[in-house]
Amino acid sequence: MRRRAFWALAVVVSLLMPVAVHAQESYIDAYIVKVKPEKTAEFTSLIKKWVTANQDNNGDRWITTETLYGEGDVYVFTSTRHSYAEIDKANESVMAAVSKAFGAEGLGKLMQDFSSCLVWSRSELRRRRWDLSRKAPADAAAFAKLIGQSRVLRTVAVHVRSGHQLEFEALLKDTKVAAEKMANTQPVLVSQAVEGNKGLVYYITAFRSSLGGFDNNPTTKDILGEEGYKKFLQVNAEAVEEPVFTLYRFNAELSNPPDDIAAVAPDFWHPKAASK
């Protein structure tokens, strides 16, 4: 199971980014799988072995989410990369960690068993679009707090029609300006698929500490006002081919998060360690 065959071990929304400087290039390395319902227990057991191997042998770091509302039995593994070269280094570290834990023969068996659990899988690289995101965390500590305290996230995958990229991005920028003037709006992070996708796809992601956090939020109409909302509807009708809404929950047992994120809520991210 080359990492791309097993996973690019890397999920929304977003999700593991040390935000030292927003101008720094940043990618979300995502591997998405759909698990056979009858294989869920085996799949979970295999991922836990992968987690332990990486924790014990200085391997990769990632966060795992699974679908709450959307296509069922779908899991997303995400890590942050700051360059394409960093992807190569991550692939090497994760394979070295698992090989050390299980040996070459054990690794091959693990990869084979993992593949047998899947209906389908795909890898995607997304570039962070800080220029389109709103109320993004100002630094690494703020970002770690946002992710570390989150338990659910909502992602809208927006498929934009060819030739309409500029007007769609202009709409996101207008919404960003208006939302950041309001005290009761929350962070929304935007990324754009650059590898492994079909056409123009933007991911618009919001994080919450519970499902209740999605109640009583300002609507797009509240943010943009009457005239701005009319423009929003017009641009969406012309530029957007399809929006896909998915609600995920974070799965800590299948994650190996960076230390700064885990430190925000160690009882959640490392429940076994916290209970000792």
C-alpha atoms as a PDB file:
ATOM      1  CA  MET A   1       0.000   0.000   0.000  1.00  0.00           C
ATOM      2  CA  ARG A   2       2.063   2.845  -1.241  1.00  0.00           C
ATOM      3  CA  ARG A   3       0.746   5.800   0.625  1.00  0.00           C
ATOM      4  CA  ARG A   4      -1.263   6.865  -2.392  1.00  0.00           C
ATOM      5  CA  ALA A   5      -2.640   3.363  -2.732  1.00  0.00           C
ATOM      6  CA  PHE A   6      -3.423   3.071   0.943  1.00  0.00           C
ATOM      7  CA  TRP A   7      -4.024   6.712   1.589  1.00  0.00           C
ATOM      8  CA  ALA A   8      -2.641  10.122   1.057  1.00  0.00           C
ATOM      9  CA  LEU A   9      -3.316  10.254   4.789  1.00  0.00           C
ATOM     10  CA  ALA A  10      -4.117  13.655   4.846  1.00  0.00           C
ATOM     11  CA  VAL A  11      -9.046  15.089   5.274  1.00  0.00           C
ATOM     12  CA  VAL A  12     -12.550  19.461   5.431  1.00  0.00           C
ATOM     13  CA  VAL A  13     -12.041  21.574   6.524  1.00  0.00           C
ATOM     14  CA  SER A  14      -9.766  22.259   6.645  1.00  0.00           C
ATOM     15  CA  LEU A  15      -7.691  21.296   8.313  1.00  0.00           C
ATOM     16  CA  LEU A  16      -4.227  20.916   9.877  1.00  0.00           C
ATOM     17  CA  MET A  17      -2.490  24.133   9.010  1.00  0.00           C
ATOM     18  CA  PRO A  18       0.166  25.849  11.103  1.00  0.00           C
ATOM     19  CA  VAL A  19      -0.749  29.407  10.122  1.00  0.00           C
ATOM     20  CA  ALA A  20       2.456  31.305  10.704  1.00  0.00           C
ATOM     21  CA  VAL A  21       1.886  33.623   7.772  1.00  0.00           C
ATOM     22  CA  HIS A  22      -1.197  33.539   5.582  1.00  0.00           C
ATOM     23  CA  ALA A  23       0.894  34.483   2.584  1.00  0.00           C
ATOM     24  CA  GLN A  24       2.814  31.225   2.892  1.00  0.00           C
ATOM     25  CA  GLU A  25       1.733  28.616   0.358  1.00  0.00           C
ATOM     26  CA  SER A  26      -0.331  25.899   1.972  1.00  0.00           C
ATOM     27  CA  TYR A  27      -2.046  22.800   0.625  1.00  0.00           C
ATOM     28  CA  ILE A  28      -4.531  20.331   2.046  1.00  0.00           C
ATOM     29  CA  ASP A  29      -3.468  16.806   1.104  1.00  0.00           C
ATOM     30  CA  ALA A  30      -6.697  14.801   1.244  1.00  0.00           C
ATOM     31  CA  TYR A  31      -7.454  11.130   0.825  1.00  0.00           C
ATOM     32  CA  ILE A  32     -11.122  10.177   0.698  1.00  0.00           C
ATOM     33  CA  VAL A  33     -12.458   6.627   0.971  1.00  0.00           C
ATOM     34  CA  LYS A  34     -15.838   4.937   1.004  1.00  0.00           C
ATOM     35  CA  VAL A  35     -15.873   1.856   3.226  1.00  0.00           C
ATOM     36  CA  LYS A  36     -17.948  -1.255   2.668  1.00  0.00           C
ATOM     37  CA  PRO A  37     -20.574  -1.234   5.475  1.00  0.00           C
ATOM     38  CA  GLU A  38     -19.782  -4.824   6.449  1.00  0.00           C
ATOM     39  CA  LYS A  39     -16.071  -3.947   6.673  1.00  0.00           C
ATOM     40  CA  THR A  40     -16.317  -0.966   9.035  1.00  0.00           C
ATOM     41  CA  ALA A  41     -14.961  -2.791  12.087  1.00  0.00           C
ATOM     42  CA  GLU A  42     -11.996  -4.200  10.138  1.00  0.00           C
ATOM     43  CA  PHE A  43     -11.307  -0.815   8.542  1.00  0.00           C
ATOM     44  CA  THR A  44     -11.299   0.906  11.934  1.00  0.00           C
ATOM     45  CA  SER A  45      -8.926  -1.705  13.372  1.00  0.00           C
ATOM     46  CA  LEU A  46      -6.503  -1.272  10.462  1.00  0.00           C
ATOM     47  CA  ILE A  47      -6.461   2.526  10.747  1.00  0.00           C
ATOM     48  CA  LYS A  48      -5.777   2.307  14.477  1.00  0.00           C
ATOM     49  CA  LYS A  49      -2.733   0.154  13.697  1.00  0.00           C
ATOM     50  CA  TRP A  50      -1.608   2.769  11.170  1.00  0.00           C
ATOM     51  CA  VAL A  51      -2.078   5.506  13.786  1.00  0.00           C
ATOM     52  CA  THR A  52      -0.005   3.658  16.389  1.00  0.00           C
ATOM     53  CA  ALA A  53       2.785   2.936  13.911  1.00  0.00           C
ATOM     54  CA  ASN A  54       3.066   6.613  12.992  1.00  0.00           C
ATOM     55  CA  GLN A  55       2.888   7.767  16.610  1.00  0.00           C
ATOM     56  CA  ASP A  56       5.611   5.349  17.699  1.00  0.00           C
ATOM     57  CA  ASN A  57       7.959   5.934  14.764  1.00  0.00           C
ATOM     58  CA  ASN A  58       7.790   9.660  14.028  1.00  0.00           C
ATOM     59  CA  GLY A  59       5.570   9.255  10.973  1.00  0.00           C
ATOM     60  CA  ASP A  60       2.982  11.537   9.433  1.00  0.00           C
ATOM     61  CA  ARG A  61       0.331  13.679  11.141  1.00  0.00           C
ATOM     62  CA  TRP A  62      -3.288  13.916  10.015  1.00  0.00           C
ATOM     63  CA  ILE A  63      -6.882  14.450  11.077  1.00  0.00           C
ATOM     64  CA  THR A  64      -9.729  12.131  10.140  1.00  0.00           C
ATOM     65  CA  THR A  65     -13.351  13.063   9.596  1.00  0.00           C
ATOM     66  CA  GLU A  66     -16.340  10.908   8.711  1.00  0.00           C
ATOM     67  CA  THR A  67     -19.684  11.752   7.169  1.00  0.00           C
ATOM     68  CA  LEU A  68     -22.655  12.604   9.360  1.00  0.00           C
ATOM     69  CA  TYR A  69     -24.868  13.978   6.591  1.00  0.00           C
ATOM     70  CA  GLY A  70     -23.936  13.144   3.024  1.00  0.00           C
ATOM     71  CA  GLU A  71     -22.802   9.951   1.315  1.00  0.00           C
ATOM     72  CA  GLY A  72     -22.522   7.309   4.012  1.00  0.00           C
ATOM     73  CA  ASP A  73     -19.419   5.413   5.150  1.00  0.00           C
ATOM     74  CA  VAL A  74     -17.075   8.073   3.755  1.00  0.00           C
ATOM     75  CA  TYR A  75     -13.889   9.008   5.636  1.00  0.00           C
ATOM     76  CA  VAL A  76     -11.502  11.848   4.847  1.00  0.00           C
ATOM     77  CA  PHE A  77      -7.854  11.908   5.969  1.00  0.00           C
ATOM     78  CA  THR A  78      -6.169  15.329   5.742  1.00  0.00           C
ATOM     79  CA  SER A  79      -2.728  16.810   6.351  1.00  0.00           C
ATOM     80  CA  THR A  80      -1.201  20.177   5.537  1.00  0.00           C
ATOM     81  CA  ARG A  81       1.684  20.496   3.068  1.00  0.00           C
ATOM     82  CA  HIS A  82       3.545  23.689   2.214  1.00  0.00           C
ATOM     83  CA  SER A  83       5.009  22.452  -1.066  1.00  0.00           C
ATOM     84  CA  TYR A  84       4.901  19.536  -3.458  1.00  0.00           C
ATOM     85  CA  ALA A  85       8.324  18.507  -2.190  1.00  0.00           C
ATOM     86  CA  GLU A  86       6.876  18.200   1.302  1.00  0.00           C
ATOM     87  CA  ILE A  87       4.436  15.589  -0.019  1.00  0.00           C
ATOM     88  CA  ASP A  88       7.391  13.400  -1.033  1.00  0.00           C
ATOM     89  CA  LYS A  89       8.920  13.750   2.439  1.00  0.00           C
ATOM     90  CA  ALA A  90       5.613  12.854   4.100  1.00  0.00           C
ATOM     91  CA  ASN A  91       5.203   9.786   1.905  1.00  0.00           C
ATOM     92  CA  GLU A  92       8.686   8.628   2.846  1.00  0.00           C
ATOM     93  CA  SER A  93       8.154   9.205   6.576  1.00  0.00           C
ATOM     94  CA  VAL A  94       4.816   7.421   6.729  1.00  0.00           C
ATOM     95  CA  MET A  95       6.076   4.374   4.813  1.00  0.00           C
ATOM     96  CA  ALA A  96       9.223   4.230   6.936  1.00  0.00           C
ATOM     97  CA  ALA A  97       7.165   4.381  10.134  1.00  0.00           C
ATOM     98  CA  VAL A  98       4.791   1.603   9.121  1.00  0.00           C
ATOM     99  CA  SER A  99       7.567  -0.562   7.685  1.00  0.00           C
ATOM    100  CA  LYS A 100       9.456  -0.270  10.964  1.00  0.00           C
ATOM    101  CA  ALA A 101       6.361  -1.281  12.905  1.00  0.00           C
ATOM    102  CA  PHE A 102       5.246  -4.249  10.769  1.00  0.00           C
ATOM    103  CA  GLY A 103       8.126  -5.173   8.489  1.00  0.00           C
ATOM    104  CA  ALA A 104       7.876  -5.494   4.714  1.00  0.00           C
ATOM    105  CA  GLU A 105       5.641  -8.574   4.795  1.00  0.00           C
ATOM    106  CA  GLY A 106       3.348  -7.123   7.450  1.00  0.00           C
ATOM    107  CA  LEU A 107       3.075  -3.862   5.542  1.00  0.00           C
ATOM    108  CA  GLY A 108       2.019  -5.697   2.386  1.00  0.00           C
ATOM    109  CA  LYS A 109      -0.657  -7.606   4.309  1.00  0.00           C
ATOM    110  CA  LEU A 110      -1.902  -4.398   5.922  1.00  0.00           C
ATOM    111  CA  MET A 111      -2.218  -2.689   2.556  1.00  0.00           C
ATOM    112  CA  GLN A 112      -4.030  -5.641   1.023  1.00  0.00           C
ATOM    113  CA  ASP A 113      -6.479  -5.865   3.914  1.00  0.00           C
ATOM    114  CA  PHE A 114      -7.116  -2.136   3.739  1.00  0.00           C
ATOM    115  CA  SER A 115      -7.880  -2.228   0.017  1.00  0.00           C
ATOM    116  CA  SER A 116     -10.395  -5.026   0.574  1.00  0.00           C
ATOM    117  CA  CYS A 117     -12.390  -2.742   2.888  1.00  0.00           C
ATOM    118  CA  LEU A 118     -13.014  -0.047   0.276  1.00  0.00           C
ATOM    119  CA  VAL A 119     -15.740   0.612  -2.271  1.00  0.00           C
ATOM    120  CA  TRP A 120     -13.674   3.428  -3.790  1.00  0.00           C
ATOM    121  CA  SER A 121     -10.936   5.903  -2.931  1.00  0.00           C
ATOM    122  CA  ARG A 122      -9.466   9.069  -4.384  1.00  0.00           C
ATOM    123  CA  SER A 123      -6.749  11.590  -3.551  1.00  0.00           C
ATOM    124  CA  GLU A 124      -7.012  15.349  -3.930  1.00  0.00           C
ATOM    125  CA  LEU A 125      -4.667  18.262  -3.338  1.00  0.00           C
ATOM    126  CA  ARG A 126      -6.278  21.582  -2.420  1.00  0.00           C
ATOM    127  CA  ARG A 127      -4.641  24.977  -2.114  1.00  0.00           C
ATOM    128  CA  ARG A 128      -5.617  27.189   0.788  1.00  0.00           C
ATOM    129  CA  ARG A 129      -7.230  30.397  -0.420  1.00  0.00           C
ATOM    130  CA  TRP A 130      -6.677  32.806   2.459  1.00  0.00           C
ATOM    131  CA  ASP A 131      -7.679  35.685   0.183  1.00  0.00           C
ATOM    132  CA  LEU A 132     -11.181  34.201  -0.035  1.00  0.00           C
ATOM    133  CA  SER A 133     -11.463  32.969   3.568  1.00  0.00           C
ATOM    134  CA  ARG A 134     -13.064  35.116   6.229  1.00  0.00           C
ATOM    135  CA  LYS A 135     -12.151  35.657   9.880  1.00  0.00           C
ATOM    136  CA  ALA A 136      -9.299  33.200   9.448  1.00  0.00           C
ATOM    137  CA  PRO A 137      -7.139  32.581  12.547  1.00  0.00           C
ATOM    138  CA  ALA A 138      -4.391  35.175  12.851  1.00  0.00           C
ATOM    139  CA  ASP A 139      -1.600  32.815  13.912  1.00  0.00           C
ATOM    140  CA  ALA A 140      -0.685  29.197  14.574  1.00  0.00           C
ATOM    141  CA  ALA A 141      -2.020  29.182  18.130  1.00  0.00           C
ATOM    142  CA  ALA A 142      -5.394  30.534  17.041  1.00  0.00           C
ATOM    143  CA  PHE A 143      -5.609  27.981  14.241  1.00  0.00           C
ATOM    144  CA  ALA A 144      -4.730  25.116  16.586  1.00  0.00           C
ATOM    145  CA  LYS A 145      -7.432  26.294  18.982  1.00  0.00           C
ATOM    146  CA  LEU A 146     -10.033  26.480  16.200  1.00  0.00           C
ATOM    147  CA  ILE A 147      -9.331  22.938  15.011  1.00  0.00           C
ATOM    148  CA  GLY A 148      -8.573  21.453  18.404  1.00  0.00           C
ATOM    149  CA  GLN A 149     -11.882  22.526  19.926  1.00  0.00           C
ATOM    150  CA  SER A 150     -13.963  21.615  16.864  1.00  0.00           C
ATOM    151  CA  ARG A 151     -15.977  18.408  16.763  1.00  0.00           C
ATOM    152  CA  VAL A 152     -17.936  18.864  13.536  1.00  0.00           C
ATOM    153  CA  LEU A 153     -17.496  20.732  10.280  1.00  0.00           C
ATOM    154  CA  ARG A 154     -19.645  21.617   7.305  1.00  0.00           C
ATOM    155  CA  THR A 155     -18.085  21.735   3.846  1.00  0.00           C
ATOM    156  CA  VAL A 156     -19.700  22.988   0.661  1.00  0.00           C
ATOM    157  CA  ALA A 157     -17.925  21.699  -2.450  1.00  0.00           C
ATOM    158  CA  VAL A 158     -18.794  24.290  -5.103  1.00  0.00           C
ATOM    159  CA  HIS A 159     -18.345  23.180  -8.713  1.00  0.00           C
ATOM    160  CA  VAL A 160     -17.878  26.329 -10.792  1.00  0.00           C
ATOM    161  CA  ARG A 161     -18.637  26.468 -14.502  1.00  0.00           C
ATOM    162  CA  SER A 162     -15.718  26.990 -16.862  1.00  0.00           C
ATOM    163  CA  GLY A 163     -15.119  30.668 -17.588  1.00  0.00           C
ATOM    164  CA  HIS A 164     -16.837  31.901 -14.405  1.00  0.00           C
ATOM    165  CA  GLN A 165     -13.947  31.620 -11.942  1.00  0.00           C
ATOM    166  CA  LEU A 166     -13.298  35.357 -11.598  1.00  0.00           C
ATOM    167  CA  GLU A 167     -16.891  36.334 -10.939  1.00  0.00           C
ATOM    168  CA  PHE A 168     -17.301  33.538  -8.393  1.00  0.00           C
ATOM    169  CA  GLU A 169     -14.144  34.575  -6.547  1.00  0.00           C
ATOM    170  CA  ALA A 170     -15.304  38.213  -6.623  1.00  0.00           C
ATOM    171  CA  LEU A 171     -18.517  37.097  -4.936  1.00  0.00           C
ATOM    172  CA  LEU A 172     -16.564  35.293  -2.207  1.00  0.00           C
ATOM    173  CA  LYS A 173     -14.448  38.401  -1.648  1.00  0.00           C
ATOM    174  CA  ASP A 174     -17.565  40.587  -1.343  1.00  0.00           C
ATOM    175  CA  THR A 175     -18.981  38.143   1.202  1.00  0.00           C
ATOM    176  CA  LYS A 176     -15.680  38.112   3.089  1.00  0.00           C
ATOM    177  CA  VAL A 177     -15.636  41.932   3.400  1.00  0.00           C
ATOM    178  CA  ALA A 178     -19.243  42.080   4.565  1.00  0.00           C
ATOM    179  CA  ALA A 179     -18.962  39.152   7.011  1.00  0.00           C
ATOM    180  CA  GLU A 180     -15.813  40.470   8.660  1.00  0.00           C
ATOM    181  CA  LYS A 181     -17.659  43.664   9.554  1.00  0.00           C
ATOM    182  CA  MET A 182     -20.210  41.669  11.597  1.00  0.00           C
ATOM    183  CA  ALA A 183     -19.501  40.645  15.174  1.00  0.00           C
ATOM    184  CA  ASN A 184     -21.597  37.462  15.098  1.00  0.00           C
ATOM    185  CA  THR A 185     -20.062  35.743  12.070  1.00  0.00           C
ATOM    186  CA  GLN A 186     -17.580  32.892  12.498  1.00  0.00           C
ATOM    187  CA  PRO A 187     -14.491  31.727  10.585  1.00  0.00           C
ATOM    188  CA  VAL A 188     -15.027  30.242   7.142  1.00  0.00           C
ATOM    189  CA  LEU A 189     -12.010  28.756   5.347  1.00  0.00           C
ATOM    190  CA  VAL A 190     -11.808  28.359   1.573  1.00  0.00           C
ATOM    191  CA  SER A 191      -9.601  26.049  -0.466  1.00  0.00           C
ATOM    192  CA  GLN A 192      -9.413  25.240  -4.177  1.00  0.00           C
ATOM    193  CA  ALA A 193      -8.765  21.819  -5.681  1.00  0.00           C
ATOM    194  CA  VAL A 194      -5.604  21.823  -7.805  1.00  0.00           C
ATOM    195  CA  GLU A 195      -4.871  18.118  -8.327  1.00  0.00           C
ATOM    196  CA  GLY A 196      -7.090  15.046  -8.590  1.00  0.00           C
ATOM    197  CA  ASN A 197     -10.277  16.955  -9.411  1.00  0.00           C
ATOM    198  CA  LYS A 198     -12.593  17.502 -12.352  1.00  0.00           C
ATOM    199  CA  GLY A 199     -13.072  21.144 -13.320  1.00  0.00           C
ATOM    200  CA  LEU A 200     -13.096  24.089 -10.906  1.00  0.00           C
ATOM    201  CA  VAL A 201     -13.949  23.069  -7.343  1.00  0.00           C
ATOM    202  CA  TYR A 202     -13.872  25.276  -4.244  1.00  0.00           C
ATOM    203  CA  TYR A 203     -14.344  23.989  -0.703  1.00  0.00           C
ATOM    204  CA  ILE A 204     -16.005  26.359   1.766  1.00  0.00           C
ATOM    205  CA  THR A 205     -15.674  25.030   5.315  1.00  0.00           C
ATOM    206  CA  ALA A 206     -17.000  26.069   8.731  1.00  0.00           C
ATOM    207  CA  PHE A 207     -16.048  24.484  12.063  1.00  0.00           C
ATOM    208  CA  ARG A 208     -18.122  24.092  15.231  1.00  0.00           C
ATOM    209  CA  SER A 209     -17.655  22.571  18.679  1.00  0.00           C
ATOM    210  CA  SER A 210     -21.075  20.879  18.381  1.00  0.00           C
ATOM    211  CA  LEU A 211     -23.973  20.589  15.959  1.00  0.00           C
ATOM    212  CA  GLY A 212     -25.769  23.260  17.960  1.00  0.00           C
ATOM    213  CA  GLY A 213     -23.159  25.720  16.752  1.00  0.00           C
ATOM    214  CA  PHE A 214     -24.863  25.729  13.358  1.00  0.00           C
ATOM    215  CA  ASP A 215     -28.100  27.084  14.859  1.00  0.00           C
ATOM    216  CA  ASN A 216     -29.012  30.771  14.662  1.00  0.00           C
ATOM    217  CA  ASN A 217     -26.135  31.804  12.397  1.00  0.00           C
ATOM    218  CA  PRO A 218     -26.410  34.894  10.160  1.00  0.00           C
ATOM    219  CA  THR A 219     -27.719  33.942   6.726  1.00  0.00           C
ATOM    220  CA  THR A 220     -26.088  34.997   3.474  1.00  0.00           C
ATOM    221  CA  LYS A 221     -28.900  37.522   3.093  1.00  0.00           C
ATOM    222  CA  ASP A 222     -28.167  38.914   6.569  1.00  0.00           C
ATOM    223  CA  ILE A 223     -24.504  39.303   5.651  1.00  0.00           C
ATOM    224  CA  LEU A 224     -24.880  40.824   2.188  1.00  0.00           C
ATOM    225  CA  GLY A 225     -28.098  42.776   2.571  1.00  0.00           C
ATOM    226  CA  GLU A 226     -30.959  42.913   0.073  1.00  0.00           C
ATOM    227  CA  GLU A 227     -29.036  44.148  -2.967  1.00  0.00           C
ATOM    228  CA  GLY A 228     -25.953  42.070  -2.242  1.00  0.00           C
ATOM    229  CA  TYR A 229     -28.083  38.976  -1.877  1.00  0.00           C
ATOM    230  CA  LYS A 230     -29.712  39.550  -5.260  1.00  0.00           C
ATOM    231  CA  LYS A 231     -26.242  39.694  -6.800  1.00  0.00           C
ATOM    232  CA  PHE A 232     -25.310  36.540  -4.899  1.00  0.00           C
ATOM    233  CA  LEU A 233     -28.269  34.657  -6.364  1.00  0.00           C
ATOM    234  CA  GLN A 234     -27.520  35.909  -9.874  1.00  0.00           C
ATOM    235  CA  VAL A 235     -23.841  34.958  -9.774  1.00  0.00           C
ATOM    236  CA  ASN A 236     -24.649  31.542  -8.339  1.00  0.00           C
ATOM    237  CA  ALA A 237     -27.202  30.889 -11.056  1.00  0.00           C
ATOM    238  CA  GLU A 238     -24.691  31.780 -13.776  1.00  0.00           C
ATOM    239  CA  ALA A 239     -21.394  30.565 -12.321  1.00  0.00           C
ATOM    240  CA  VAL A 240     -22.170  27.559 -10.132  1.00  0.00           C
ATOM    241  CA  GLU A 241     -22.763  24.191 -11.711  1.00  0.00           C
ATOM    242  CA  GLU A 242     -23.421  22.328  -8.470  1.00  0.00           C
ATOM    243  CA  PRO A 243     -22.935  22.837  -4.719  1.00  0.00           C
ATOM    244  CA  VAL A 244     -22.525  19.693  -2.596  1.00  0.00           C
ATOM    245  CA  PHE A 245     -23.189  20.099   1.135  1.00  0.00           C
ATOM    246  CA  THR A 246     -21.640  17.619   3.583  1.00  0.00           C
ATOM    247  CA  LEU A 247     -21.542  17.565   7.379  1.00  0.00           C
ATOM    248  CA  TYR A 248     -18.653  15.680   8.985  1.00  0.00           C
ATOM    249  CA  ARG A 249     -17.594  14.750  12.503  1.00  0.00           C
ATOM    250  CA  PHE A 250     -13.993  14.534  13.669  1.00  0.00           C
ATOM    251  CA  ASN A 251     -12.852  11.006  14.506  1.00  0.00           C
ATOM    252  CA  ALA A 252     -10.041  11.282  17.047  1.00  0.00           C
ATOM    253  CA  GLU A 253      -9.361   7.532  17.270  1.00  0.00           C
ATOM    254  CA  LEU A 254      -8.423   7.447  13.593  1.00  0.00           C
ATOM    255  CA  SER A 255      -6.353  10.653  13.720  1.00  0.00           C
ATOM    256  CA  ASN A 256      -2.732  11.469  14.533  1.00  0.00           C
ATOM    257  CA  PRO A 257      -2.972  15.252  14.931  1.00  0.00           C
ATOM    258  CA  PRO A 258      -0.119  17.733  15.327  1.00  0.00           C
ATOM    259  CA  ASP A 259       0.851  18.305  18.952  1.00  0.00           C
ATOM    260  CA  ASP A 260      -0.456  21.874  19.121  1.00  0.00           C
ATOM    261  CA  ILE A 261      -3.923  20.765  18.018  1.00  0.00           C
ATOM    262  CA  ALA A 262      -3.996  17.760  20.344  1.00  0.00           C
ATOM    263  CA  ALA A 263      -2.906  19.946  23.278  1.00  0.00           C
ATOM    264  CA  VAL A 264      -6.096  22.029  22.984  1.00  0.00           C
ATOM    265  CA  ALA A 265      -8.200  19.045  24.091  1.00  0.00           C
ATOM    266  CA  PRO A 266      -5.986  16.048  24.968  1.00  0.00           C
ATOM    267  CA  ASP A 267      -8.885  14.116  26.481  1.00  0.00           C
ATOM    268  CA  PHE A 268     -10.588  14.187  23.070  1.00  0.00           C
ATOM    269  CA  TRP A 269      -7.629  13.779  20.709  1.00  0.00           C
ATOM    270  CA  HIS A 270      -5.737  11.230  22.864  1.00  0.00           C
ATOM    271  CA  PRO A 271      -8.441   9.702  25.089  1.00  0.00           C
ATOM    272  CA  LYS A 272      -6.392   6.645  26.075  1.00  0.00           C
ATOM    273  CA  ALA A 273      -3.350   8.713  27.050  1.00  0.00           C
ATOM    274  CA  ALA A 274      -5.517  11.105  29.056  1.00  0.00           C
ATOM    275  CA  SER A 275      -7.134   8.267  30.982  1.00  0.00           C
ATOM    276  CA  LYS A 276      -3.868   6.792  32.265  1.00  0.00           C
END
